[in-house]
Amino acid sequence: MTSPLTTPSSEGRWTPRLWGTLLVLCAAMFLDALDVSMVGVALPSIGSDLHLSTSTLQWIVSGYILGYGGLLLLGGRTADLLGRRQVFLVALGVFALASLLGGLVDSGPLLIASRFIKGLSAAFTAPAGLSIITTTFPEGPLRNRALSIYTTCAATGFSMGLVLSGLLTEASWRFTMLLPAPIALIALAAGLKLLPRSAREKNHAGYDIPGAVIGTASMLLLVFTVVQAPEAGWASARTLLSFLAVAVLLTAFVLVERRSPSPLVRLGVLRSGSQVRAQLGAVAFFGSYVGFQFLTTLYMQSLLGWSALHTALAFLPAGALVAVSSTKVGAIVDRFGTQRLIAAGFALMAVGYALFLQVDLDPVYAAVILPSMLLIGAACALVFPSLNIQATNGVEDHEQGMVSGLLNTSVQVGGAIFLAVVTAVVTAAAPADATPQAVLDSYRPGFMVVTGIAVVGLLITLTGLRGRGTQPSIVVTGSTVKEAEAERVAVRD
């Protein structure tokens, strides 16, 4: 249900209130990305000030990932059942309070707890915000434009976070924790006035408590296992038993969802080829980029001796390209469809990663690093909005939160899994004689893995293009969606 004040006019014009609604949702997405990127640069200062070990510092990052990735499925379905506006605003308020707490604490465990709470709140704001957009803007050019702006804010927030963290950490790492608080409070105040009221889902057969418990437990354990695997050892009994427990929990989750009258995740959604490709594409897209960013940061700071700010500015062209293209991507999607843009984006991403393999200990920025960043930025501008559009097209309003939660879960789990894989590959290749050249050579297998992930994402996407001429990929929604509408969606995507 949307308010008339926030519904686009019949001519497609956006009212000031509609723009305000989108800006509030963009602010929350911006904060999520900003928070992730700002913390990494501040970790050395945090460790020095709070006297934390390296293993404890890891949990300042991992605590956020654990709360975010582990609770996204629950967050998405909660938005459908309890009302998107209510869930979004409550979670945004919790995010602001946790940011304030994180900037004031003098204890490592309390800081980690604040990060977990922030991740937990983001697990509710992200799917609720995305589903508010997809239920406010009608499917087609208007929604495509809104989603391209929305997803651009994530890339912009991530890029600005790198730069801001380099500046703020010079004064105090606490400013990197405190900065999101006032922005979140301003967005909360604006959201109370602007966000459309949404009705709770009616006619559902109760709440899927067993599914919520098992699904959340399986995601939490999966993220925890992947994060800890490089330290514990991938072949250690602890890691193997944890993965076995994840497999058991996921099997139990599928069985519960198949029998539940009101499932946390309706498995029929995954019968759609385009939906599965969107989810797998999200895993490959974010997994490859997180691995690349991790290795490139080590290369620039540890081997080249660049400062945190210098490193952040090196990444800036990619984010700037995404920001500049924000108003154009929706129109490109309208013309070419999501599948072609995702394929083109993965191709650009793979070329950008492969080009970066040529770096050495005395790189010419304009010759190698800048072209790589521009190719990767162009790829992000094409892929991320298109994945969001493809995942939410053809899905009924009452399941938009669920699908949004699935997509965000794919993004976070992909990032956690492939970052751990890349870390393990680099660790295995670590030289005994740690000369700068030997260390750089140990990074190259990691960059190759990152490139390979992007190539796999491209191949997955191409399966959708290959099948377009024989059998359209129809998004499977609830029984009330007309077949003609489903076919229209499939042809466009």
Protein backbone atom coordinates (compact mmCIF):
# COMPACT_ATOMS: atom_id res chain seq x y z
CA MET A 1 0.00 0.00 0.00
CA THR A 2 1.36 3.42 -0.94
CA SER A 3 0.29 6.92 -0.16
CA PRO A 4 -1.12 9.03 -3.03
CA LEU A 5 1.39 11.71 -2.07
CA THR A 6 4.26 9.36 -2.85
CA THR A 7 2.88 7.69 -5.97
CA PRO A 8 4.26 8.85 -9.34
CA SER A 9 1.78 10.77 -11.46
CA SER A 10 0.23 9.23 -14.53
CA GLU A 11 2.76 11.21 -16.63
CA GLY A 12 5.62 9.67 -14.64
CA ARG A 13 6.63 12.89 -12.89
CA TRP A 14 8.02 12.58 -9.38
CA THR A 15 6.53 14.80 -6.72
CA PRO A 16 8.77 16.53 -4.15
CA ARG A 17 7.53 14.11 -1.50
CA LEU A 18 8.39 11.16 -3.73
CA TRP A 19 11.91 12.52 -4.16
CA GLY A 20 12.09 12.97 -0.39
CA THR A 21 11.04 9.36 0.17
CA LEU A 22 13.74 8.11 -2.18
CA LEU A 23 16.37 10.31 -0.54
CA VAL A 24 15.54 8.91 2.91
CA LEU A 25 15.94 5.35 1.63
CA CYS A 26 19.12 6.29 -0.22
CA ALA A 27 20.51 7.81 2.99
CA ALA A 28 20.12 4.49 4.80
CA MET A 29 21.81 2.57 1.99
CA PHE A 30 24.56 5.21 1.85
CA LEU A 31 25.16 4.79 5.60
CA ASP A 32 25.39 1.00 5.35
CA ALA A 33 28.11 1.24 2.69
CA LEU A 34 29.84 4.18 4.37
CA ASP A 35 30.06 2.32 7.66
CA VAL A 36 31.62 -0.77 6.09
CA SER A 37 34.37 1.11 4.26
CA MET A 38 35.24 3.61 7.01
CA VAL A 39 36.07 1.03 9.66
CA GLY A 40 38.84 -0.77 7.77
CA VAL A 41 41.14 2.24 7.61
CA ALA A 42 40.55 3.07 11.29
CA LEU A 43 41.46 -0.40 12.63
CA PRO A 44 45.15 0.31 13.39
CA SER A 45 44.22 3.40 15.43
CA ILE A 46 41.47 1.51 17.26
CA GLY A 47 43.87 -1.29 18.15
CA SER A 48 46.48 1.12 19.45
CA ASP A 49 44.02 3.18 21.50
CA LEU A 50 42.07 0.27 23.02
CA HIS A 51 45.07 -2.12 23.21
CA LEU A 52 43.39 -4.79 21.09
CA SER A 53 45.08 -7.77 19.47
CA THR A 54 44.85 -8.44 15.73
CA SER A 55 42.37 -11.27 16.28
CA THR A 56 40.14 -8.99 18.35
CA LEU A 57 40.34 -6.23 15.72
CA GLN A 58 39.08 -8.70 13.13
CA TRP A 59 35.81 -8.97 15.04
CA ILE A 60 35.15 -5.25 14.71
CA VAL A 61 34.65 -5.99 11.02
CA SER A 62 33.34 -9.53 11.37
CA GLY A 63 30.80 -8.58 14.05
CA TYR A 64 29.06 -6.28 11.58
CA ILE A 65 29.13 -8.92 8.83
CA LEU A 66 27.78 -11.54 11.21
CA GLY A 67 24.78 -9.44 12.25
CA TYR A 68 24.10 -8.21 8.73
CA GLY A 69 24.53 -11.40 6.73
CA GLY A 70 22.98 -13.66 9.36
CA LEU A 71 19.68 -11.82 9.78
CA LEU A 72 18.84 -10.55 6.29
CA LEU A 73 16.36 -13.31 5.51
CA LEU A 74 14.52 -12.60 8.74
CA GLY A 75 14.71 -8.85 8.11
CA GLY A 76 13.19 -9.12 4.65
CA ARG A 77 10.25 -11.27 5.70
CA THR A 78 9.65 -9.18 8.83
CA ALA A 79 9.23 -6.12 6.61
CA ASP A 80 6.55 -7.94 4.61
CA LEU A 81 4.67 -9.13 7.68
CA LEU A 82 4.93 -6.20 10.10
CA GLY A 83 5.00 -3.28 7.65
CA ARG A 84 7.98 -1.93 5.71
CA ARG A 85 7.79 1.61 7.05
CA GLN A 86 7.64 0.51 10.69
CA VAL A 87 10.50 -1.97 10.35
CA PHE A 88 12.68 0.50 8.43
CA LEU A 89 12.24 3.35 10.91
CA VAL A 90 12.77 1.25 14.04
CA ALA A 91 15.89 -0.35 12.58
CA LEU A 92 17.25 3.04 11.47
CA GLY A 93 16.80 4.37 15.01
CA VAL A 94 18.70 1.38 16.41
CA PHE A 95 21.46 2.01 13.86
CA ALA A 96 21.82 5.61 15.06
CA LEU A 97 22.02 4.58 18.72
CA ALA A 98 24.55 1.84 17.99
CA SER A 99 26.70 4.36 16.06
CA LEU A 100 26.65 6.68 19.05
CA LEU A 101 27.58 3.83 21.38
CA GLY A 102 30.45 2.73 19.13
CA GLY A 103 32.00 6.17 19.21
CA LEU A 104 31.88 6.49 23.01
CA VAL A 105 32.94 3.08 24.34
CA ASP A 106 36.38 2.38 25.82
CA SER A 107 36.20 -1.39 25.62
CA GLY A 108 36.90 -3.77 22.76
CA PRO A 109 33.99 -6.14 23.56
CA LEU A 110 31.56 -3.21 23.77
CA LEU A 111 32.78 -1.86 20.44
CA ILE A 112 32.31 -5.29 18.84
CA ALA A 113 28.81 -5.51 20.38
CA SER A 114 27.91 -2.11 18.92
CA ARG A 115 29.12 -3.27 15.51
CA PHE A 116 27.01 -6.43 15.73
CA ILE A 117 23.94 -4.34 16.62
CA LYS A 118 24.63 -2.04 13.67
CA GLY A 119 24.87 -5.03 11.35
CA LEU A 120 21.65 -6.42 12.79
CA SER A 121 19.82 -3.13 12.22
CA ALA A 122 21.17 -2.90 8.65
CA ALA A 123 19.78 -6.40 8.06
CA PHE A 124 16.33 -4.88 8.56
CA THR A 125 16.79 -1.45 6.90
CA ALA A 126 18.30 -2.84 3.67
CA PRO A 127 15.49 -5.21 2.59
CA ALA A 128 12.78 -2.93 4.01
CA GLY A 129 14.19 0.07 2.10
CA LEU A 130 14.49 -1.84 -1.16
CA SER A 131 10.97 -3.23 -0.87
CA ILE A 132 9.57 0.26 -0.15
CA ILE A 133 11.05 1.38 -3.46
CA THR A 134 9.74 -1.59 -5.41
CA THR A 135 6.24 -1.20 -3.97
CA THR A 136 6.16 2.60 -4.39
CA PHE A 137 7.49 2.80 -7.94
CA PRO A 138 5.62 0.79 -10.59
CA GLU A 139 7.62 -1.82 -12.45
CA GLY A 140 9.27 -0.44 -15.57
CA PRO A 141 11.18 2.78 -16.33
CA LEU A 142 10.16 4.56 -13.12
CA ARG A 143 11.33 1.73 -10.87
CA ASN A 144 14.48 1.21 -12.94
CA ARG A 145 15.38 4.87 -12.51
CA ALA A 146 14.71 4.77 -8.77
CA LEU A 147 16.75 1.59 -8.28
CA SER A 148 19.67 2.93 -10.30
CA ILE A 149 19.81 6.00 -8.03
CA TYR A 150 19.36 3.86 -4.91
CA THR A 151 22.12 1.40 -5.74
CA THR A 152 24.43 4.22 -6.81
CA CYS A 153 24.22 5.57 -3.27
CA ALA A 154 25.75 2.34 -2.00
CA ALA A 155 28.77 2.67 -4.29
CA THR A 156 29.08 6.38 -3.50
CA GLY A 157 28.90 5.69 0.23
CA PHE A 158 31.58 3.03 -0.02
CA SER A 159 33.91 5.30 -1.99
CA MET A 160 33.32 8.32 0.25
CA GLY A 161 33.81 6.15 3.32
CA LEU A 162 37.34 5.32 2.21
CA VAL A 163 38.19 9.00 1.77
CA LEU A 164 36.40 10.22 4.90
CA SER A 165 38.00 7.55 7.06
CA GLY A 166 41.44 8.66 5.93
CA LEU A 167 40.61 12.23 6.95
CA LEU A 168 38.69 11.51 10.17
CA THR A 169 41.15 8.97 11.53
CA GLU A 170 43.83 11.66 11.46
CA ALA A 171 41.82 13.40 14.22
CA SER A 172 40.36 10.34 16.01
CA TRP A 173 39.00 6.94 15.04
CA ARG A 174 35.93 7.77 17.16
CA PHE A 175 34.74 10.22 14.52
CA THR A 176 34.48 7.36 12.03
CA MET A 177 32.09 5.62 14.43
CA LEU A 178 30.12 8.75 15.34
CA LEU A 179 29.64 10.22 11.86
CA PRO A 180 26.73 7.93 10.85
CA ALA A 181 24.72 8.81 13.98
CA PRO A 182 23.59 12.37 13.08
CA ILE A 183 22.97 11.38 9.44
CA ALA A 184 20.80 8.46 10.57
CA LEU A 185 18.86 10.69 12.97
CA ILE A 186 18.19 13.25 10.23
CA ALA A 187 17.03 10.46 7.89
CA LEU A 188 14.83 9.07 10.68
CA ALA A 189 13.15 12.43 11.29
CA ALA A 190 12.56 12.88 7.55
CA GLY A 191 11.33 9.29 7.22
CA LEU A 192 8.70 9.76 9.92
CA LYS A 193 7.18 12.50 7.77
CA LEU A 194 7.81 11.24 4.25
CA LEU A 195 7.75 7.45 4.09
CA PRO A 196 4.46 5.97 2.86
CA ARG A 197 2.51 3.89 5.35
CA SER A 198 2.37 0.25 4.42
CA ALA A 199 -0.15 -2.29 5.56
CA ARG A 200 0.91 -5.47 7.27
CA GLU A 201 0.50 -8.56 5.16
CA LYS A 202 -2.99 -9.92 5.53
CA ASN A 203 -4.32 -13.42 5.02
CA HIS A 204 -1.05 -15.05 6.00
CA ALA A 205 -1.24 -18.32 7.91
CA GLY A 206 0.62 -17.19 11.02
CA TYR A 207 4.34 -16.65 11.47
CA ASP A 208 7.01 -19.10 10.42
CA ILE A 209 8.79 -19.23 13.77
CA PRO A 210 10.65 -22.53 13.12
CA GLY A 211 11.80 -21.26 9.71
CA ALA A 212 12.93 -17.95 11.20
CA VAL A 213 14.93 -19.68 13.95
CA ILE A 214 16.54 -22.30 11.67
CA GLY A 215 17.15 -19.88 8.78
CA THR A 216 18.75 -17.26 11.02
CA ALA A 217 20.86 -19.89 12.81
CA SER A 218 22.08 -21.35 9.51
CA MET A 219 23.07 -17.93 8.11
CA LEU A 220 24.78 -16.88 11.35
CA LEU A 221 26.74 -20.15 11.50
CA LEU A 222 27.67 -19.98 7.81
CA VAL A 223 29.03 -16.44 8.07
CA PHE A 224 30.79 -17.24 11.37
CA THR A 225 32.40 -20.37 9.90
CA VAL A 226 33.62 -18.61 6.78
CA VAL A 227 35.00 -15.65 8.74
CA GLN A 228 36.87 -17.95 11.14
CA ALA A 229 38.05 -20.52 8.59
CA PRO A 230 41.30 -18.76 7.56
CA GLU A 231 42.36 -18.56 11.21
CA ALA A 232 41.16 -22.01 12.30
CA GLY A 233 42.20 -23.72 9.06
CA TRP A 234 39.92 -24.78 6.22
CA ALA A 235 40.67 -28.47 6.80
CA SER A 236 40.49 -28.28 10.60
CA ALA A 237 37.95 -30.41 12.45
CA ARG A 238 36.29 -27.27 13.78
CA THR A 239 35.74 -25.79 10.31
CA LEU A 240 34.58 -29.05 8.73
CA LEU A 241 32.14 -29.76 11.56
CA SER A 242 30.80 -26.22 11.32
CA PHE A 243 30.17 -26.59 7.58
CA LEU A 244 28.48 -29.93 8.23
CA ALA A 245 26.24 -28.26 10.81
CA VAL A 246 25.42 -25.52 8.27
CA ALA A 247 24.45 -28.16 5.70
CA VAL A 248 22.19 -29.90 8.24
CA LEU A 249 20.54 -26.62 9.24
CA LEU A 250 19.99 -25.57 5.62
CA THR A 251 18.45 -28.96 4.81
CA ALA A 252 16.15 -28.62 7.80
CA PHE A 253 15.30 -25.07 6.69
CA VAL A 254 14.28 -26.24 3.21
CA LEU A 255 12.10 -28.99 4.69
CA VAL A 256 10.41 -26.56 7.07
CA GLU A 257 9.81 -23.98 4.33
CA ARG A 258 8.24 -26.58 2.03
CA ARG A 259 5.73 -27.49 4.72
CA SER A 260 5.07 -24.06 6.20
CA PRO A 261 1.77 -22.34 5.23
CA SER A 262 3.53 -18.95 5.60
CA PRO A 263 7.21 -19.58 4.83
CA LEU A 264 10.06 -17.22 5.60
CA VAL A 265 11.26 -17.84 2.03
CA ARG A 266 8.82 -19.13 -0.56
CA LEU A 267 10.97 -21.64 -2.43
CA GLY A 268 8.85 -21.29 -5.57
CA VAL A 269 10.57 -17.97 -6.22
CA LEU A 270 13.77 -19.89 -6.94
CA ARG A 271 12.15 -21.84 -9.76
CA SER A 272 12.77 -18.81 -11.92
CA GLY A 273 15.94 -18.86 -13.98
CA SER A 274 16.28 -15.08 -13.93
CA GLN A 275 15.84 -15.01 -10.13
CA VAL A 276 18.51 -17.68 -9.60
CA ARG A 277 20.88 -15.88 -11.96
CA ALA A 278 20.32 -12.63 -10.07
CA GLN A 279 21.14 -14.28 -6.74
CA LEU A 280 24.24 -16.08 -8.05
CA GLY A 281 25.30 -12.92 -9.87
CA ALA A 282 25.12 -10.99 -6.60
CA VAL A 283 27.36 -13.60 -4.94
CA ALA A 284 29.96 -13.37 -7.72
CA PHE A 285 29.76 -9.59 -8.08
CA PHE A 286 30.32 -8.62 -4.47
CA GLY A 287 32.56 -11.57 -3.68
CA SER A 288 34.99 -10.65 -6.43
CA TYR A 289 34.99 -6.94 -5.59
CA VAL A 290 35.56 -7.43 -1.85
CA GLY A 291 38.47 -9.75 -2.59
CA PHE A 292 39.93 -7.26 -5.06
CA GLN A 293 39.58 -4.34 -2.67
CA PHE A 294 41.21 -6.31 0.15
CA LEU A 295 44.24 -7.32 -1.93
CA THR A 296 44.61 -3.92 -3.58
CA THR A 297 44.57 -2.16 -0.21
CA LEU A 298 47.34 -4.47 1.06
CA TYR A 299 49.32 -3.90 -2.13
CA MET A 300 49.08 -0.12 -1.95
CA GLN A 301 49.68 0.33 1.77
CA SER A 302 52.00 -2.56 2.65
CA LEU A 303 54.11 -2.76 -0.51
CA LEU A 304 53.93 0.73 -2.03
CA GLY A 305 53.83 2.53 1.32
CA TRP A 306 50.85 4.68 0.38
CA SER A 307 48.87 6.39 3.14
CA ALA A 308 45.25 5.49 3.89
CA LEU A 309 44.10 8.70 2.19
CA HIS A 310 46.30 8.08 -0.85
CA THR A 311 44.88 4.57 -1.15
CA ALA A 312 41.31 5.86 -0.82
CA LEU A 313 41.89 8.41 -3.57
CA ALA A 314 43.21 5.64 -5.84
CA PHE A 315 39.84 3.88 -5.51
CA LEU A 316 37.88 7.10 -5.96
CA PRO A 317 37.61 7.09 -9.80
CA ALA A 318 35.56 3.88 -9.67
CA GLY A 319 33.10 5.35 -7.19
CA ALA A 320 32.99 8.68 -9.02
CA LEU A 321 32.13 6.93 -12.28
CA VAL A 322 29.26 5.09 -10.59
CA ALA A 323 27.94 8.33 -9.08
CA VAL A 324 28.06 10.21 -12.38
CA SER A 325 26.21 7.43 -14.20
CA SER A 326 23.39 7.17 -11.66
CA THR A 327 20.79 9.01 -13.74
CA LYS A 328 21.63 7.12 -16.94
CA VAL A 329 21.58 3.45 -15.92
CA GLY A 330 17.78 3.22 -15.62
CA ALA A 331 17.32 4.34 -19.23
CA ILE A 332 19.97 1.88 -20.41
CA VAL A 333 18.16 -0.95 -18.58
CA ASP A 334 14.90 0.07 -20.27
CA ARG A 335 16.55 -0.25 -23.68
CA PHE A 336 18.74 -3.32 -23.35
CA GLY A 337 17.32 -5.30 -20.41
CA THR A 338 19.06 -6.42 -17.24
CA GLN A 339 20.62 -9.62 -18.59
CA ARG A 340 22.69 -7.90 -21.29
CA LEU A 341 23.90 -5.19 -18.90
CA ILE A 342 24.91 -7.72 -16.24
CA ALA A 343 26.86 -9.70 -18.86
CA ALA A 344 28.58 -6.55 -20.14
CA GLY A 345 29.37 -5.49 -16.57
CA PHE A 346 30.94 -8.83 -15.63
CA ALA A 347 33.02 -8.74 -18.83
CA LEU A 348 34.33 -5.25 -17.94
CA MET A 349 34.98 -6.38 -14.37
CA ALA A 350 36.98 -9.42 -15.47
CA VAL A 351 39.08 -7.29 -17.86
CA GLY A 352 39.70 -4.72 -15.11
CA TYR A 353 40.86 -7.38 -12.66
CA ALA A 354 43.06 -9.06 -15.29
CA LEU A 355 44.63 -5.72 -16.19
CA PHE A 356 45.54 -5.16 -12.54
CA LEU A 357 47.64 -8.34 -12.62
CA GLN A 358 50.27 -6.28 -14.47
CA VAL A 359 51.08 -4.10 -11.44
CA ASP A 360 54.61 -4.11 -10.08
CA LEU A 361 56.54 -2.42 -7.29
CA ASP A 362 56.84 0.81 -9.26
CA PRO A 363 53.47 1.20 -10.99
CA VAL A 364 52.48 4.02 -13.30
CA TYR A 365 49.03 4.93 -11.94
CA ALA A 366 47.67 6.29 -15.21
CA ALA A 367 48.85 3.27 -17.21
CA VAL A 368 47.54 0.35 -15.11
CA ILE A 369 45.74 1.25 -11.89
CA LEU A 370 43.50 4.03 -13.26
CA PRO A 371 42.24 2.02 -16.28
CA SER A 372 41.49 -0.91 -13.96
CA MET A 373 39.54 1.30 -11.59
CA LEU A 374 37.56 2.88 -14.43
CA LEU A 375 36.66 -0.52 -15.91
CA ILE A 376 35.60 -1.81 -12.49
CA GLY A 377 33.60 1.37 -11.82
CA ALA A 378 31.79 1.00 -15.14
CA ALA A 379 31.08 -2.63 -14.28
CA CYS A 380 29.62 -1.72 -10.89
CA ALA A 381 27.44 0.95 -12.50
CA LEU A 382 25.96 -1.66 -14.85
CA VAL A 383 25.79 -4.77 -12.67
CA PHE A 384 24.54 -3.70 -9.24
CA PRO A 385 21.41 -1.77 -10.33
CA SER A 386 20.59 -4.45 -12.91
CA LEU A 387 20.80 -7.23 -10.33
CA ASN A 388 18.39 -5.36 -8.05
CA ILE A 389 15.97 -4.75 -10.91
CA GLN A 390 16.11 -8.34 -12.14
CA ALA A 391 15.61 -9.81 -8.67
CA THR A 392 12.53 -7.68 -7.89
CA ASN A 393 10.80 -7.66 -11.28
CA GLY A 394 7.66 -9.76 -11.54
CA VAL A 395 7.43 -10.31 -7.77
CA GLU A 396 4.23 -9.41 -5.96
CA ASP A 397 4.28 -6.56 -3.45
CA HIS A 398 3.77 -8.79 -0.43
CA GLU A 399 6.95 -10.74 -1.30
CA GLN A 400 9.22 -7.83 -2.18
CA GLY A 401 10.78 -7.78 1.29
CA MET A 402 11.50 -11.49 1.08
CA VAL A 403 13.21 -11.19 -2.31
CA SER A 404 15.12 -8.10 -1.16
CA GLY A 405 16.35 -10.05 1.86
CA LEU A 406 17.45 -12.91 -0.40
CA LEU A 407 19.39 -10.57 -2.67
CA ASN A 408 21.14 -8.80 0.19
CA THR A 409 21.95 -12.17 1.77
CA SER A 410 23.56 -13.28 -1.49
CA VAL A 411 25.64 -10.10 -1.54
CA GLN A 412 26.86 -10.46 2.04
CA VAL A 413 27.46 -14.22 1.97
CA GLY A 414 29.30 -13.86 -1.35
CA GLY A 415 31.54 -11.18 0.16
CA ALA A 416 32.26 -13.23 3.28
CA ILE A 417 32.94 -16.50 1.44
CA PHE A 418 35.17 -15.19 -1.32
CA LEU A 419 37.10 -12.83 0.94
CA ALA A 420 37.94 -15.85 3.09
CA VAL A 421 38.89 -17.86 -0.02
CA VAL A 422 41.15 -15.10 -1.36
CA THR A 423 42.75 -14.70 2.07
CA ALA A 424 43.41 -18.44 2.24
CA VAL A 425 44.97 -18.48 -1.26
CA VAL A 426 47.28 -15.56 -0.45
CA THR A 427 48.24 -17.08 2.91
CA ALA A 428 49.09 -20.41 1.26
CA ALA A 429 51.31 -18.60 -1.25
CA ALA A 430 53.07 -16.48 1.41
CA PRO A 431 56.83 -16.68 0.88
CA ALA A 432 59.37 -17.67 3.51
CA ASP A 433 61.62 -14.86 2.30
CA ALA A 434 59.27 -11.88 2.58
CA THR A 435 60.94 -9.55 0.10
CA PRO A 436 58.58 -7.00 -1.50
CA GLN A 437 58.68 -8.80 -4.85
CA ALA A 438 58.01 -12.17 -3.23
CA VAL A 439 55.03 -10.73 -1.33
CA LEU A 440 53.65 -9.22 -4.53
CA ASP A 441 54.03 -12.57 -6.27
CA SER A 442 52.05 -14.17 -3.44
CA TYR A 443 49.21 -11.72 -4.11
CA ARG A 444 48.90 -12.68 -7.78
CA PRO A 445 47.10 -16.01 -7.18
CA GLY A 446 44.54 -14.07 -5.15
CA PHE A 447 44.01 -11.61 -8.01
CA MET A 448 43.63 -14.59 -10.37
CA VAL A 449 40.93 -16.04 -8.11
CA VAL A 450 39.14 -12.68 -8.11
CA THR A 451 39.29 -12.58 -11.92
CA GLY A 452 38.01 -16.15 -12.09
CA ILE A 453 35.01 -15.30 -9.89
CA ALA A 454 34.06 -12.48 -12.27
CA VAL A 455 34.39 -14.86 -15.25
CA VAL A 456 32.08 -17.36 -13.51
CA GLY A 457 29.58 -14.56 -12.96
CA LEU A 458 29.76 -13.76 -16.67
CA LEU A 459 29.21 -17.41 -17.65
CA ILE A 460 26.19 -17.69 -15.34
CA THR A 461 24.69 -14.57 -16.90
CA LEU A 462 25.33 -15.79 -20.44
CA THR A 463 23.19 -18.88 -19.79
CA GLY A 464 20.22 -16.51 -19.56
CA LEU A 465 21.07 -14.81 -22.85
CA ARG A 466 21.56 -18.14 -24.60
CA GLY A 467 18.13 -19.35 -23.53
CA ARG A 468 16.21 -16.23 -24.57
CA GLY A 469 15.46 -17.49 -28.04
CA THR A 470 14.04 -20.84 -26.93
CA GLN A 471 12.31 -20.48 -23.61
CA PRO A 472 11.76 -17.20 -21.77
CA SER A 473 12.83 -17.02 -18.17
CA ILE A 474 9.66 -16.31 -16.21
CA VAL A 475 9.81 -14.92 -12.71
CA VAL A 476 7.76 -17.24 -10.54
CA THR A 477 5.46 -15.27 -8.29
CA GLY A 478 2.28 -15.97 -6.43
CA SER A 479 -0.72 -17.53 -8.06
CA THR A 480 -2.49 -14.21 -8.58
CA VAL A 481 0.01 -12.86 -11.14
CA LYS A 482 -1.33 -13.07 -14.64
CA GLU A 483 0.63 -15.14 -17.16
CA ALA A 484 0.70 -12.28 -19.63
CA GLU A 485 2.40 -10.01 -17.10
CA ALA A 486 4.98 -12.66 -16.29
CA GLU A 487 5.75 -13.11 -19.98
CA ARG A 488 6.13 -9.35 -20.41
CA VAL A 489 8.66 -9.25 -17.56
CA ALA A 490 10.56 -12.23 -18.93
CA VAL A 491 10.86 -10.76 -22.42
CA ARG A 492 12.20 -7.47 -21.07
CA ASP A 493 14.74 -9.13 -18.75
